[in-house]
PDB file of all heavy atoms in Angstrom:
ATOM      1  N   GLU A   1     130.800 107.247  91.065  1.00  0.00           N
ATOM      2  CA  GLU A   1     129.913 107.868  92.052  1.00  0.00           C
ATOM      3  C   GLU A   1     128.564 108.212  91.432  1.00  0.00           C
ATOM      4  O   GLU A   1     127.504 108.025  92.048  1.00  0.00           O
ATOM      5  CB  GLU A   1     130.573 109.133  92.623  1.00  0.00           C
ATOM      6  CG  GLU A   1     131.709 108.832  93.591  1.00  0.00           C
ATOM      7  CD  GLU A   1     132.376 110.100  94.104  1.00  0.00           C
ATOM      8  OE1 GLU A   1     131.983 111.192  93.660  1.00  0.00           O
ATOM      9  OE2 GLU A   1     133.274 109.969  94.957  1.00  0.00           O
ATOM     10  N   GLU A   2     128.608 108.711  90.188  1.00  0.00           N
ATOM     11  CA  GLU A   2     127.353 109.030  89.491  1.00  0.00           C
ATOM     12  C   GLU A   2     126.502 107.774  89.294  1.00  0.00           C
ATOM     13  O   GLU A   2     125.286 107.773  89.487  1.00  0.00           O
ATOM     14  CB  GLU A   2     127.656 109.659  88.126  1.00  0.00           C
ATOM     15  CG  GLU A   2     128.192 111.072  88.187  1.00  0.00           C
ATOM     16  CD  GLU A   2     127.119 112.077  88.567  1.00  0.00           C
ATOM     17  OE1 GLU A   2     125.932 111.760  88.430  1.00  0.00           O
ATOM     18  OE2 GLU A   2     127.481 113.171  89.034  1.00  0.00           O
ATOM     19  N   LYS A   3     127.171 106.674  88.884  1.00  0.00           N
ATOM     20  CA  LYS A   3     126.451 105.408  88.648  1.00  0.00           C
ATOM     21  C   LYS A   3     125.840 104.869  89.937  1.00  0.00           C
ATOM     22  O   LYS A   3     124.708 104.406  89.969  1.00  0.00           O
ATOM     23  CB  LYS A   3     127.390 104.372  88.036  1.00  0.00           C
ATOM     24  CG  LYS A   3     127.694 104.636  86.573  1.00  0.00           C
ATOM     25  CD  LYS A   3     128.625 103.577  86.001  1.00  0.00           C
ATOM     26  CE  LYS A   3     128.944 103.861  84.535  1.00  0.00           C
ATOM     27  NZ  LYS A   3     129.882 102.873  83.973  1.00  0.00           N
ATOM     28  N   LYS A   4     126.638 104.957  91.031  1.00  0.00           N
ATOM     29  CA  LYS A   4     126.124 104.464  92.321  1.00  0.00           C
ATOM     30  C   LYS A   4     124.918 105.274  92.772  1.00  0.00           C
ATOM     31  O   LYS A   4     123.931 104.743  93.282  1.00  0.00           O
ATOM     32  CB  LYS A   4     127.234 104.540  93.380  1.00  0.00           C
ATOM     33  CG  LYS A   4     128.284 103.456  93.241  1.00  0.00           C
ATOM     34  CD  LYS A   4     129.368 103.624  94.286  1.00  0.00           C
ATOM     35  CE  LYS A   4     130.457 102.561  94.130  1.00  0.00           C
ATOM     36  NZ  LYS A   4     131.538 102.745  95.114  1.00  0.00           N
ATOM     37  N   LYS A   5     125.011 106.591  92.547  1.00  0.00           N
ATOM     38  CA  LYS A   5     123.897 107.468  92.926  1.00  0.00           C
ATOM     39  C   LYS A   5     122.652 107.120  92.131  1.00  0.00           C
ATOM     40  O   LYS A   5     121.532 107.050  92.655  1.00  0.00           O
ATOM     41  CB  LYS A   5     124.298 108.924  92.691  1.00  0.00           C
ATOM     42  CG  LYS A   5     123.321 109.936  93.269  1.00  0.00           C
ATOM     43  CD  LYS A   5     123.840 111.352  93.098  1.00  0.00           C
ATOM     44  CE  LYS A   5     122.863 112.352  93.687  1.00  0.00           C
ATOM     45  NZ  LYS A   5     123.334 113.742  93.502  1.00  0.00           N
ATOM     46  N   LYS A   6     122.831 106.869  90.837  1.00  0.00           N
ATOM     47  CA  LYS A   6     121.712 106.504  89.965  1.00  0.00           C
ATOM     48  C   LYS A   6     121.080 105.188  90.401  1.00  0.00           C
ATOM     49  O   LYS A   6     119.854 105.052  90.491  1.00  0.00           O
ATOM     50  CB  LYS A   6     122.221 106.397  88.521  1.00  0.00           C
ATOM     51  CG  LYS A   6     121.140 105.985  87.518  1.00  0.00           C
ATOM     52  CD  LYS A   6     121.747 105.820  86.142  1.00  0.00           C
ATOM     53  CE  LYS A   6     120.705 105.241  85.184  1.00  0.00           C
ATOM     54  NZ  LYS A   6     121.279 104.970  83.851  1.00  0.00           N
ATOM     55  N   GLU A   7     121.948 104.177  90.693  1.00  0.00           N
ATOM     56  CA  GLU A   7     121.442 102.873  91.122  1.00  0.00           C
ATOM     57  C   GLU A   7     120.666 102.983  92.433  1.00  0.00           C
ATOM     58  O   GLU A   7     119.628 102.345  92.619  1.00  0.00           O
ATOM     59  CB  GLU A   7     122.609 101.882  91.290  1.00  0.00           C
ATOM     60  CG  GLU A   7     123.197 101.438  89.965  1.00  0.00           C
ATOM     61  CD  GLU A   7     124.474 100.633  90.160  1.00  0.00           C
ATOM     62  OE1 GLU A   7     124.864 100.422  91.331  1.00  0.00           O
ATOM     63  OE2 GLU A   7     125.087 100.238  89.154  1.00  0.00           O
ATOM     64  N   LYS A   8     121.171 103.823  93.342  1.00  0.00           N
ATOM     65  CA  LYS A   8     120.513 104.009  94.637  1.00  0.00           C
ATOM     66  C   LYS A   8     119.107 104.587  94.465  1.00  0.00           C
ATOM     67  O   LYS A   8     118.140 104.137  95.080  1.00  0.00           O
ATOM     68  CB  LYS A   8     121.358 104.930  95.514  1.00  0.00           C
ATOM     69  CG  LYS A   8     120.864 105.045  96.948  1.00  0.00           C
ATOM     70  CD  LYS A   8     121.805 105.917  97.762  1.00  0.00           C
ATOM     71  CE  LYS A   8     121.297 106.044  99.198  1.00  0.00           C
ATOM     72  NZ  LYS A   8     122.192 106.904 100.009  1.00  0.00           N
ATOM     73  N   VAL A   9     118.982 105.595  93.604  1.00  0.00           N
ATOM     74  CA  VAL A   9     117.672 106.218  93.356  1.00  0.00           C
ATOM     75  C   VAL A   9     116.727 105.233  92.699  1.00  0.00           C
ATOM     76  O   VAL A   9     115.540 105.149  93.027  1.00  0.00           O
ATOM     77  CB  VAL A   9     117.846 107.487  92.496  1.00  0.00           C
ATOM     78  CG1 VAL A   9     116.487 108.039  92.089  1.00  0.00           C
ATOM     79  CG2 VAL A   9     118.624 108.543  93.263  1.00  0.00           C
ATOM     80  N   GLU A  10     117.254 104.434  91.731  1.00  0.00           N
ATOM     81  CA  GLU A  10     116.404 103.446  91.050  1.00  0.00           C
ATOM     82  C   GLU A  10     115.886 102.394  92.028  1.00  0.00           C
ATOM     83  O   GLU A  10     114.722 102.002  91.973  1.00  0.00           O
ATOM     84  CB  GLU A  10     117.190 102.785  89.916  1.00  0.00           C
ATOM     85  CG  GLU A  10     117.351 103.698  88.706  1.00  0.00           C
ATOM     86  CD  GLU A  10     118.175 103.047  87.609  1.00  0.00           C
ATOM     87  OE1 GLU A  10     118.828 102.010  87.895  1.00  0.00           O
ATOM     88  OE2 GLU A  10     118.183 103.568  86.482  1.00  0.00           O
ATOM     89  N   LYS A  11     116.777 101.934  92.924  1.00  0.00           N
ATOM     90  CA  LYS A  11     116.350 100.947  93.924  1.00  0.00           C
ATOM     91  C   LYS A  11     115.286 101.519  94.850  1.00  0.00           C
ATOM     92  O   LYS A  11     114.328 100.845  95.213  1.00  0.00           O
ATOM     93  CB  LYS A  11     117.558 100.470  94.745  1.00  0.00           C
ATOM     94  CG  LYS A  11     118.458  99.511  93.991  1.00  0.00           C
ATOM     95  CD  LYS A  11     119.638  99.104  94.851  1.00  0.00           C
ATOM     96  CE  LYS A  11     120.566  98.161  94.094  1.00  0.00           C
ATOM     97  NZ  LYS A  11     121.739  97.787  94.897  1.00  0.00           N
ATOM     98  N   LYS A  12     115.463 102.798  95.204  1.00  0.00           N
ATOM     99  CA  LYS A  12     114.472 103.455  96.069  1.00  0.00           C
ATOM    100  C   LYS A  12     113.112 103.525  95.378  1.00  0.00           C
ATOM    101  O   LYS A  12     112.067 103.301  95.984  1.00  0.00           O
ATOM    102  CB  LYS A  12     114.961 104.860  96.431  1.00  0.00           C
ATOM    103  CG  LYS A  12     114.145 105.533  97.530  1.00  0.00           C
ATOM    104  CD  LYS A  12     114.737 106.874  97.903  1.00  0.00           C
ATOM    105  CE  LYS A  12     113.901 107.539  98.977  1.00  0.00           C
ATOM    106  NZ  LYS A  12     114.409 108.872  99.338  1.00  0.00           N
ATOM    107  N   GLY A  13     113.148 103.817  94.073  1.00  0.00           N
ATOM    108  CA  GLY A  13     111.908 103.864  93.300  1.00  0.00           C
ATOM    109  C   GLY A  13     111.232 102.510  93.225  1.00  0.00           C
ATOM    110  O   GLY A  13     110.011 102.396  93.335  1.00  0.00           O
ATOM    111  N   GLU A  14     112.022 101.435  93.067  1.00  0.00           N
ATOM    112  CA  GLU A  14     111.466 100.084  93.017  1.00  0.00           C
ATOM    113  C   GLU A  14     110.799  99.715  94.335  1.00  0.00           C
ATOM    114  O   GLU A  14     109.746  99.100  94.370  1.00  0.00           O
ATOM    115  CB  GLU A  14     112.574  99.078  92.687  1.00  0.00           C
ATOM    116  CG  GLU A  14     113.015  99.140  91.224  1.00  0.00           C
ATOM    117  CD  GLU A  14     114.230  98.257  90.978  1.00  0.00           C
ATOM    118  OE1 GLU A  14     114.654  97.557  91.917  1.00  0.00           O
ATOM    119  OE2 GLU A  14     114.752  98.281  89.854  1.00  0.00           O
ATOM    120  N   LYS A  15     111.448 100.114  95.444  1.00  0.00           N
ATOM    121  CA  LYS A  15     110.869  99.820  96.761  1.00  0.00           C
ATOM    122  C   LYS A  15     109.526 100.511  96.931  1.00  0.00           C
ATOM    123  O   LYS A  15     108.576  99.954  97.473  1.00  0.00           O
ATOM    124  CB  LYS A  15     111.825 100.256  97.872  1.00  0.00           C
ATOM    125  CG  LYS A  15     113.018  99.328  98.033  1.00  0.00           C
ATOM    126  CD  LYS A  15     113.915  99.805  99.143  1.00  0.00           C
ATOM    127  CE  LYS A  15     115.139  98.901  99.310  1.00  0.00           C
ATOM    128  NZ  LYS A  15     116.051  99.368 100.357  1.00  0.00           N
ATOM    129  N   LYS A  16     109.431 101.767  96.470  1.00  0.00           N
ATOM    130  CA  LYS A  16     108.168 102.508  96.572  1.00  0.00           C
ATOM    131  C   LYS A  16     107.076 101.813  95.774  1.00  0.00           C
ATOM    132  O   LYS A  16     105.931 101.698  96.199  1.00  0.00           O
ATOM    133  CB  LYS A  16     108.354 103.947  96.052  1.00  0.00           C
ATOM    134  CG  LYS A  16     109.078 104.854  97.026  1.00  0.00           C
ATOM    135  CD  LYS A  16     108.168 105.267  98.170  1.00  0.00           C
ATOM    136  CE  LYS A  16     108.857 106.206  99.133  1.00  0.00           C
ATOM    137  NZ  LYS A  16     108.004 106.526 100.281  1.00  0.00           N
ATOM    138  N   GLU A  17     107.434 101.343  94.558  1.00  0.00           N
ATOM    139  CA  GLU A  17     106.449 100.650  93.716  1.00  0.00           C
ATOM    140  C   GLU A  17     105.992  99.359  94.372  1.00  0.00           C
ATOM    141  O   GLU A  17     104.812  99.018  94.354  1.00  0.00           O
ATOM    142  CB  GLU A  17     107.054 100.372  92.340  1.00  0.00           C
ATOM    143  CG  GLU A  17     107.172 101.637  91.490  1.00  0.00           C
ATOM    144  CD  GLU A  17     107.852 101.367  90.161  1.00  0.00           C
ATOM    145  OE1 GLU A  17     108.253 100.209  89.938  1.00  0.00           O
ATOM    146  OE2 GLU A  17     107.997 102.310  89.365  1.00  0.00           O
ATOM    147  N   LYS A  18     106.948  98.613  94.961  1.00  0.00           N
ATOM    148  CA  LYS A  18     106.586  97.361  95.632  1.00  0.00           C
ATOM    149  C   LYS A  18     105.672  97.619  96.820  1.00  0.00           C
ATOM    150  O   LYS A  18     104.748  96.876  97.093  1.00  0.00           O
ATOM    151  CB  LYS A  18     107.845  96.623  96.103  1.00  0.00           C
ATOM    152  CG  LYS A  18     108.594  95.962  94.957  1.00  0.00           C
ATOM    153  CD  LYS A  18     109.839  95.288  95.463  1.00  0.00           C
ATOM    154  CE  LYS A  18     110.623  94.656  94.333  1.00  0.00           C
ATOM    155  NZ  LYS A  18     111.879  94.047  94.802  1.00  0.00           N
ATOM    156  N   LYS A  19     105.955  98.717  97.544  1.00  0.00           N
ATOM    157  CA  LYS A  19     105.127  99.083  98.695  1.00  0.00           C
ATOM    158  C   LYS A  19     103.720  99.444  98.255  1.00  0.00           C
ATOM    159  O   LYS A  19     102.735  99.161  98.921  1.00  0.00           O
ATOM    160  CB  LYS A  19     105.780 100.249  99.440  1.00  0.00           C
ATOM    161  CG  LYS A  19     105.076 100.606 100.754  1.00  0.00           C
ATOM    162  CD  LYS A  19     105.784 101.750 101.442  1.00  0.00           C
ATOM    163  CE  LYS A  19     105.048 102.134 102.711  1.00  0.00           C
ATOM    164  NZ  LYS A  19     105.695 103.279 103.385  1.00  0.00           N
ATOM    165  N   GLN A  20     103.634 100.083  97.079  1.00  0.00           N
ATOM    166  CA  GLN A  20     102.334 100.536  96.580  1.00  0.00           C
ATOM    167  C   GLN A  20     101.496  99.375  96.086  1.00  0.00           C
ATOM    168  O   GLN A  20     100.281  99.365  96.229  1.00  0.00           O
ATOM    169  CB  GLN A  20     102.555 101.526  95.439  1.00  0.00           C
ATOM    170  CG  GLN A  20     101.286 102.243  94.996  1.00  0.00           C
ATOM    171  CD  GLN A  20     101.615 103.333  93.988  1.00  0.00           C
ATOM    172  OE1 GLN A  20     102.747 103.731  93.858  1.00  0.00           O
ATOM    173  NE2 GLN A  20     100.617 103.783  93.291  1.00  0.00           N
ATOM    174  N   GLN A  21     102.131  98.357  95.509  1.00  0.00           N
ATOM    175  CA  GLN A  21     101.390  97.221  94.948  1.00  0.00           C
ATOM    176  C   GLN A  21     100.560  96.482  95.985  1.00  0.00           C
ATOM    177  O   GLN A  21      99.379  96.240  95.760  1.00  0.00           O
ATOM    178  CB  GLN A  21     102.357  96.256  94.257  1.00  0.00           C
ATOM    179  CG  GLN A  21     102.824  96.787  92.911  1.00  0.00           C
ATOM    180  CD  GLN A  21     103.925  95.925  92.316  1.00  0.00           C
ATOM    181  OE1 GLN A  21     104.326  94.924  92.912  1.00  0.00           O
ATOM    182  NE2 GLN A  21     104.436  96.329  91.176  1.00  0.00           N
ATOM    183  N   PRO A  22     101.087  96.122  97.174  1.00  0.00           N
ATOM    184  CA  PRO A  22     100.241  95.471  98.170  1.00  0.00           C
ATOM    185  C   PRO A  22      99.088  96.347  98.614  1.00  0.00           C
ATOM    186  O   PRO A  22      98.005  95.873  98.871  1.00  0.00           O
ATOM    187  CB  PRO A  22     101.197  95.202  99.344  1.00  0.00           C
ATOM    188  CG  PRO A  22     102.549  95.252  98.764  1.00  0.00           C
ATOM    189  CD  PRO A  22     102.478  96.196  97.616  1.00  0.00           C
ATOM    190  N   ALA A  23      99.327  97.681  98.699  1.00  0.00           N
ATOM    191  CA  ALA A  23      98.241  98.570  99.129  1.00  0.00           C
ATOM    192  C   ALA A  23      97.099  98.523  98.141  1.00  0.00           C
ATOM    193  O   ALA A  23      95.929  98.533  98.503  1.00  0.00           O
ATOM    194  CB  ALA A  23      98.769  99.987  99.268  1.00  0.00           C
ATOM    195  N   ALA A  24      97.450  98.490  96.828  1.00  0.00           N
ATOM    196  CA  ALA A  24      96.400  98.454  95.813  1.00  0.00           C
ATOM    197  C   ALA A  24      95.737  97.098  95.756  1.00  0.00           C
ATOM    198  O   ALA A  24      94.557  96.975  95.461  1.00  0.00           O
ATOM    199  CB  ALA A  24      96.999  98.807  94.451  1.00  0.00           C
ATOM    200  N   GLY A  25      96.518  96.016  96.029  1.00  0.00           N
ATOM    201  CA  GLY A  25      95.949  94.669  95.902  1.00  0.00           C
ATOM    202  C   GLY A  25      95.444  94.080  97.195  1.00  0.00           C
ATOM    203  O   GLY A  25      95.117  92.913  97.267  1.00  0.00           O
ATOM    204  N   SER A  26      95.397  94.898  98.273  1.00  0.00           N
ATOM    205  CA  SER A  26      95.002  94.379  99.569  1.00  0.00           C
ATOM    206  C   SER A  26      93.519  94.056  99.645  1.00  0.00           C
ATOM    207  O   SER A  26      93.097  93.222 100.405  1.00  0.00           O
ATOM    208  CB  SER A  26      95.384  95.376 100.659  1.00  0.00           C
ATOM    209  OG  SER A  26      94.726  96.603 100.434  1.00  0.00           O
ATOM    210  N   SER A  27      92.678  94.763  98.854  1.00  0.00           N
ATOM    211  CA  SER A  27      91.247  94.484  98.879  1.00  0.00           C
ATOM    212  C   SER A  27      90.976  93.138  98.238  1.00  0.00           C
ATOM    213  O   SER A  27      91.664  92.727  97.309  1.00  0.00           O
ATOM    214  CB  SER A  27      90.483  95.590  98.149  1.00  0.00           C
ATOM    215  OG  SER A  27      90.928  95.652  96.816  1.00  0.00           O
ATOM    216  N   ASP A  28      89.971  92.456  98.719  1.00  0.00           N
ATOM    217  CA  ASP A  28      89.609  91.147  98.208  1.00  0.00           C
ATOM    218  C   ASP A  28      89.252  91.253  96.735  1.00  0.00           C
ATOM    219  O   ASP A  28      88.484  92.124  96.328  1.00  0.00           O
ATOM    220  CB  ASP A  28      88.403  90.619  99.002  1.00  0.00           C
ATOM    221  CG  ASP A  28      88.289  89.112  98.871  1.00  0.00           C
ATOM    222  OD1 ASP A  28      88.739  88.603  97.833  1.00  0.00           O
ATOM    223  OD2 ASP A  28      87.764  88.474  99.792  1.00  0.00           O
ATOM    224  N   ALA A  29      89.834  90.356  95.905  1.00  0.00           N
ATOM    225  CA  ALA A  29      89.576  90.407  94.464  1.00  0.00           C
ATOM    226  C   ALA A  29      88.115  90.114  94.146  1.00  0.00           C
ATOM    227  O   ALA A  29      87.572  90.618  93.171  1.00  0.00           O
ATOM    228  CB  ALA A  29      90.487  89.405  93.750  1.00  0.00           C
ATOM    229  N   LYS A  30      87.466  89.308  94.941  1.00  0.00           N
ATOM    230  CA  LYS A  30      86.066  88.966  94.698  1.00  0.00           C
ATOM    231  C   LYS A  30      85.165  90.122  95.114  1.00  0.00           C
ATOM    232  O   LYS A  30      85.323  90.681  96.190  1.00  0.00           O
ATOM    233  CB  LYS A  30      85.706  87.708  95.508  1.00  0.00           C
ATOM    234  CG  LYS A  30      84.393  87.074  95.091  1.00  0.00           C
ATOM    235  CD  LYS A  30      84.191  85.765  95.834  1.00  0.00           C
ATOM    236  CE  LYS A  30      82.864  85.124  95.458  1.00  0.00           C
ATOM    237  NZ  LYS A  30      82.626  83.900  96.217  1.00  0.00           N
TER     238      LYS A  30
END
């Protein structure tokens, strides 16, 4: 149960990072 809880939190953190990356990279690079 502890391991599952840890994995769940880590996955949630990864999703937040992925969500943040498009927001930061949405502006035109040029």
